[in-house]
PDB file of N, CA and C in Angstrom:
ATOM      1  N   LEU A   1      98.619 135.940 103.902  1.00  0.00           N
ATOM      2  CA  LEU A   1      97.724 134.837 103.469  1.00  0.00           C
ATOM      3  C   LEU A   1      96.829 135.177 102.301  1.00  0.00           C
ATOM      4  N   HIS A   2      96.591 133.421 102.201  1.00  0.00           N
ATOM      5  CA  HIS A   2      95.568 133.443 100.989  1.00  0.00           C
ATOM      6  C   HIS A   2      94.600 132.149 101.186  1.00  0.00           C
ATOM      7  N   PHE A   3      93.561 132.894 100.933  1.00  0.00           N
ATOM      8  CA  PHE A   3      92.893 131.149 101.032  1.00  0.00           C
ATOM      9  C   PHE A   3      91.931 131.211  99.408  1.00  0.00           C
ATOM     10  N   ARG A   4      91.146 129.937  99.644  1.00  0.00           N
ATOM     11  CA  ARG A   4      90.350 129.352  98.226  1.00  0.00           C
ATOM     12  C   ARG A   4      89.072 129.025  98.818  1.00  0.00           C
ATOM     13  N   ILE A   5      87.559 129.645  98.657  1.00  0.00           N
ATOM     14  CA  ILE A   5      86.558 129.319  98.255  1.00  0.00           C
ATOM     15  C   ILE A   5      85.784 128.675  97.254  1.00  0.00           C
ATOM     16  N   LEU A   6      85.711 127.370  96.870  1.00  0.00           N
ATOM     17  CA  LEU A   6      85.435 127.017  95.950  1.00  0.00           C
ATOM     18  C   LEU A   6      83.629 127.362  95.523  1.00  0.00           C
ATOM     19  N   ASP A   7      83.315 128.092  94.469  1.00  0.00           N
ATOM     20  CA  ASP A   7      82.136 127.477  94.049  1.00  0.00           C
ATOM     21  C   ASP A   7      80.805 128.863  94.513  1.00  0.00           C
ATOM     22  N   TYR A   8      81.781 129.863  95.532  1.00  0.00           N
ATOM     23  CA  TYR A   8      80.948 130.455  96.503  1.00  0.00           C
ATOM     24  C   TYR A   8      81.777 131.889  96.469  1.00  0.00           C
ATOM     25  N   THR A   9      80.617 132.875  96.816  1.00  0.00           N
ATOM     26  CA  THR A   9      80.728 134.087  96.873  1.00  0.00           C
ATOM     27  C   THR A   9      81.236 134.357  98.635  1.00  0.00           C
ATOM     28  N   LEU A  10      82.331 134.911  98.615  1.00  0.00           N
ATOM     29  CA  LEU A  10      82.841 135.461 100.378  1.00  0.00           C
ATOM     30  C   LEU A  10      81.934 136.349 100.306  1.00  0.00           C
ATOM     31  N   THR A  11      81.398 136.910 101.721  1.00  0.00           N
ATOM     32  CA  THR A  11      80.727 137.322 102.076  1.00  0.00           C
ATOM     33  C   THR A  11      81.451 138.716 103.533  1.00  0.00           C
ATOM     34  N   GLY A  12      82.502 137.727 104.118  1.00  0.00           N
ATOM     35  CA  GLY A  12      83.431 138.257 105.035  1.00  0.00           C
ATOM     36  C   GLY A  12      84.551 137.783 105.450  1.00  0.00           C
ATOM     37  N   CYS A  13      85.830 138.176 106.125  1.00  0.00           N
ATOM     38  CA  CYS A  13      86.824 138.033 106.409  1.00  0.00           C
ATOM     39  C   CYS A  13      87.174 138.506 107.483  1.00  0.00           C
ATOM     40  N   TYR A  14      87.743 137.886 108.626  1.00  0.00           N
ATOM     41  CA  TYR A  14      88.468 138.584 109.597  1.00  0.00           C
ATOM     42  C   TYR A  14      89.782 137.797 109.838  1.00  0.00           C
ATOM     43  N   ALA A  15      90.929 138.700 110.039  1.00  0.00           N
ATOM     44  CA  ALA A  15      91.924 138.016 110.844  1.00  0.00           C
ATOM     45  C   ALA A  15      93.162 139.113 111.439  1.00  0.00           C
ATOM     46  N   ASP A  16      92.975 138.340 112.591  1.00  0.00           N
ATOM     47  CA  ASP A  16      94.044 138.748 113.617  1.00  0.00           C
ATOM     48  C   ASP A  16      95.392 137.461 114.050  1.00  0.00           C
ATOM     49  N   GLN A  17      95.929 137.856 114.575  1.00  0.00           N
ATOM     50  CA  GLN A  17      97.385 137.152 114.826  1.00  0.00           C
ATOM     51  C   GLN A  17      96.939 135.930 115.458  1.00  0.00           C
ATOM     52  N   HIS A  18      95.891 135.270 115.950  1.00  0.00           N
ATOM     53  CA  HIS A  18      95.341 134.198 116.689  1.00  0.00           C
ATOM     54  C   HIS A  18      94.204 133.781 115.654  1.00  0.00           C
ATOM     55  N   SER A  19      93.938 133.738 114.802  1.00  0.00           N
ATOM     56  CA  SER A  19      92.679 133.269 113.984  1.00  0.00           C
ATOM     57  C   SER A  19      92.339 134.227 112.324  1.00  0.00           C
ATOM     58  N   VAL A  20      92.135 132.886 111.787  1.00  0.00           N
ATOM     59  CA  VAL A  20      91.472 133.520 110.474  1.00  0.00           C
ATOM     60  C   VAL A  20      89.944 133.151 110.512  1.00  0.00           C
ATOM     61  N   GLN A  21      89.062 133.879 110.147  1.00  0.00           N
ATOM     62  CA  GLN A  21      87.670 133.463 109.666  1.00  0.00           C
ATOM     63  C   GLN A  21      86.881 134.135 108.921  1.00  0.00           C
ATOM     64  N   VAL A  22      86.476 133.522 107.766  1.00  0.00           N
ATOM     65  CA  VAL A  22      85.900 133.685 106.525  1.00  0.00           C
ATOM     66  C   VAL A  22      84.243 132.869 106.583  1.00  0.00           C
ATOM     67  N   PHE A  23      83.695 134.283 106.147  1.00  0.00           N
ATOM     68  CA  PHE A  23      82.049 134.139 105.774  1.00  0.00           C
ATOM     69  C   PHE A  23      81.269 133.914 104.764  1.00  0.00           C
ATOM     70  N   ALA A  24      80.964 132.566 104.735  1.00  0.00           N
ATOM     71  CA  ALA A  24      79.777 132.474 103.073  1.00  0.00           C
ATOM     72  C   ALA A  24      78.639 132.515 102.887  1.00  0.00           C
ATOM     73  N   SER A  25      78.008 132.610 101.902  1.00  0.00           N
ATOM     74  CA  SER A  25      76.291 132.887 102.337  1.00  0.00           C
ATOM     75  C   SER A  25      75.707 130.849 102.368  1.00  0.00           C
ATOM     76  N   GLY A  26      76.855 130.405 102.134  1.00  0.00           N
ATOM     77  CA  GLY A  26      76.181 128.974 102.425  1.00  0.00           C
ATOM     78  C   GLY A  26      76.816 128.115 103.050  1.00  0.00           C
ATOM     79  N   LYS A  27      77.093 126.998 102.631  1.00  0.00           N
ATOM     80  CA  LYS A  27      78.142 125.993 103.843  1.00  0.00           C
ATOM     81  C   LYS A  27      79.175 125.363 102.082  1.00  0.00           C
ATOM     82  N   PRO A  28      80.477 126.280 102.403  1.00  0.00           N
ATOM     83  CA  PRO A  28      81.444 126.157 101.104  1.00  0.00           C
ATOM     84  C   PRO A  28      82.021 124.885 101.286  1.00  0.00           C
ATOM     85  N   LYS A  29      83.148 124.538 100.341  1.00  0.00           N
ATOM     86  CA  LYS A  29      83.790 123.508 100.496  1.00  0.00           C
ATOM     87  C   LYS A  29      85.092 124.623 100.516  1.00  0.00           C
ATOM     88  N   ILE A  30      85.961 124.102 101.625  1.00  0.00           N
ATOM     89  CA  ILE A  30      86.969 125.113 101.353  1.00  0.00           C
ATOM     90  C   ILE A  30      88.706 124.067 102.002  1.00  0.00           C
ATOM     91  N   SER A  31      89.257 124.819 100.428  1.00  0.00           N
ATOM     92  CA  SER A  31      90.688 124.222 100.287  1.00  0.00           C
ATOM     93  C   SER A  31      91.335 125.376 101.133  1.00  0.00           C
ATOM     94  N   ALA A  32      91.981 124.465 102.284  1.00  0.00           N
ATOM     95  CA  ALA A  32      93.028 125.229 102.627  1.00  0.00           C
ATOM     96  C   ALA A  32      94.010 124.964 103.594  1.00  0.00           C
ATOM     97  N   HIS A  33      95.356 125.261 103.668  1.00  0.00           N
ATOM     98  CA  HIS A  33      96.754 125.147 103.434  1.00  0.00           C
ATOM     99  C   HIS A  33      97.075 126.196 104.678  1.00  0.00           C
ATOM    100  N   ARG A  34      98.451 126.252 105.355  1.00  0.00           N
ATOM    101  CA  ARG A  34      99.353 126.817 106.255  1.00  0.00           C
ATOM    102  C   ARG A  34     100.795 126.438 105.946  1.00  0.00           C
ATOM    103  N   LYS A  35     101.697 127.706 105.427  1.00  0.00           N
ATOM    104  CA  LYS A  35     102.535 127.885 105.148  1.00  0.00           C
ATOM    105  C   LYS A  35     103.534 128.715 106.036  1.00  0.00           C
ATOM    106  N   LEU A  36     104.568 129.054 106.999  1.00  0.00           N
ATOM    107  CA  LEU A  36     104.960 129.789 107.556  1.00  0.00           C
ATOM    108  C   LEU A  36     106.803 130.082 107.171  1.00  0.00           C
ATOM    109  N   ILE A  37     106.565 131.332 106.320  1.00  0.00           N
ATOM    110  CA  ILE A  37     108.268 131.550 106.165  1.00  0.00           C
ATOM    111  C   ILE A  37     108.538 132.597 107.127  1.00  0.00           C
ATOM    112  N   SER A  38     109.897 132.312 107.688  1.00  0.00           N
ATOM    113  CA  SER A  38     110.902 132.983 108.698  1.00  0.00           C
ATOM    114  C   SER A  38     112.086 133.012 108.217  1.00  0.00           C
ATOM    115  N   SER A  39     112.653 134.126 108.729  1.00  0.00           N
ATOM    116  CA  SER A  39     114.367 134.132 108.658  1.00  0.00           C
ATOM    117  C   SER A  39     114.340 134.475 109.953  1.00  0.00           C
ATOM    118  N   ASP A  40     115.758 135.032 110.028  1.00  0.00           N
ATOM    119  CA  ASP A  40     116.394 135.649 111.381  1.00  0.00           C
ATOM    120  C   ASP A  40     115.901 136.702 111.469  1.00  0.00           C
ATOM    121  N   TYR A  41     115.601 137.075 113.163  1.00  0.00           N
ATOM    122  CA  TYR A  41     115.338 138.402 113.122  1.00  0.00           C
ATOM    123  C   TYR A  41     116.236 139.240 114.248  1.00  0.00           C
ATOM    124  N   TYR A  42     116.160 140.259 114.417  1.00  0.00           N
ATOM    125  CA  TYR A  42     117.281 140.861 115.580  1.00  0.00           C
ATOM    126  C   TYR A  42     116.636 142.056 116.116  1.00  0.00           C
ATOM    127  N   ILE A  43     116.492 141.947 117.550  1.00  0.00           N
ATOM    128  CA  ILE A  43     116.318 143.610 118.192  1.00  0.00           C
ATOM    129  C   ILE A  43     117.742 143.908 118.547  1.00  0.00           C
ATOM    130  N   TRP A  44     117.049 145.403 118.746  1.00  0.00           N
ATOM    131  CA  TRP A  44     118.577 146.284 119.140  1.00  0.00           C
ATOM    132  C   TRP A  44     118.124 147.365 119.703  1.00  0.00           C
ATOM    133  N   ASN A  45     119.225 148.089 120.580  1.00  0.00           N
ATOM    134  CA  ASN A  45     118.727 149.155 121.089  1.00  0.00           C
ATOM    135  C   ASN A  45     119.805 150.647 120.711  1.00  0.00           C
ATOM    136  N   SER A  46     118.461 151.048 119.877  1.00  0.00           N
ATOM    137  CA  SER A  46     119.765 152.078 119.322  1.00  0.00           C
ATOM    138  C   SER A  46     120.007 153.111 120.315  1.00  0.00           C
ATOM    139  N   LYS A  47     120.004 153.669 121.173  1.00  0.00           N
ATOM    140  CA  LYS A  47     120.306 154.568 122.061  1.00  0.00           C
ATOM    141  C   LYS A  47     121.561 154.543 123.201  1.00  0.00           C
ATOM    142  N   ALA A  48     121.204 152.715 123.626  1.00  0.00           N
ATOM    143  CA  ALA A  48     122.444 152.655 124.153  1.00  0.00           C
ATOM    144  C   ALA A  48     123.103 151.043 123.696  1.00  0.00           C
ATOM    145  N   PRO A  49     123.926 150.569 124.972  1.00  0.00           N
ATOM    146  CA  PRO A  49     124.898 149.590 124.097  1.00  0.00           C
ATOM    147  C   PRO A  49     123.919 148.393 124.613  1.00  0.00           C
ATOM    148  N   ALA A  50     123.599 147.369 123.986  1.00  0.00           N
ATOM    149  CA  ALA A  50     122.638 146.423 124.292  1.00  0.00           C
ATOM    150  C   ALA A  50     123.131 144.862 124.044  1.00  0.00           C
ATOM    151  N   PRO A  51     122.722 143.423 124.266  1.00  0.00           N
ATOM    152  CA  PRO A  51     122.662 142.557 123.358  1.00  0.00           C
ATOM    153  C   PRO A  51     122.128 142.576 122.661  1.00  0.00           C
ATOM    154  N   VAL A  52     122.419 141.515 121.651  1.00  0.00           N
ATOM    155  CA  VAL A  52     121.540 141.079 120.566  1.00  0.00           C
ATOM    156  C   VAL A  52     120.788 139.901 120.912  1.00  0.00           C
ATOM    157  N   THR A  53     119.761 140.287 120.695  1.00  0.00           N
ATOM    158  CA  THR A  53     118.750 138.835 120.258  1.00  0.00           C
ATOM    159  C   THR A  53     118.091 138.177 119.006  1.00  0.00           C
ATOM    160  N   TYR A  54     118.629 137.410 118.849  1.00  0.00           N
ATOM    161  CA  TYR A  54     117.883 136.568 117.362  1.00  0.00           C
ATOM    162  C   TYR A  54     117.523 135.196 117.476  1.00  0.00           C
ATOM    163  N   GLY A  55     116.852 134.728 116.179  1.00  0.00           N
ATOM    164  CA  GLY A  55     117.256 133.366 116.074  1.00  0.00           C
ATOM    165  C   GLY A  55     115.805 132.876 114.871  1.00  0.00           C
ATOM    166  N   SER A  56     115.464 131.481 114.567  1.00  0.00           N
ATOM    167  CA  SER A  56     114.604 131.783 113.782  1.00  0.00           C
ATOM    168  C   SER A  56     113.892 130.972 113.977  1.00  0.00           C
ATOM    169  N   LEU A  57     112.179 131.228 113.554  1.00  0.00           N
ATOM    170  CA  LEU A  57     111.381 130.021 113.326  1.00  0.00           C
ATOM    171  C   LEU A  57     111.148 128.895 112.775  1.00  0.00           C
ATOM    172  N   LEU A  58     111.018 127.871 113.291  1.00  0.00           N
ATOM    173  CA  LEU A  58     111.410 126.423 112.416  1.00  0.00           C
ATOM    174  C   LEU A  58     110.160 125.552 112.671  1.00  0.00           C
ATOM    175  N   LEU A  59     109.451 125.297 111.525  1.00  0.00           N
ATOM    176  CA  LEU A  59     107.661 124.503 112.050  1.00  0.00           C
ATOM    177  C   LEU A  59     108.741 123.230 111.352  1.00  0.00           C
TER     178      LEU A  59
END
């Protein structure tokens, strides 16, 4: 996660899996963009045989 607030001091930030909240002391000019980088992922059961599930996330 990268963000930039031009000419303002950051007073707080909160990030979770659904949102990012940025707090500044005034009305900041915010430059924001998003980019997701993902690759294949694998889920397996190490204790017993199980089918393998995999996939890619594309935007």
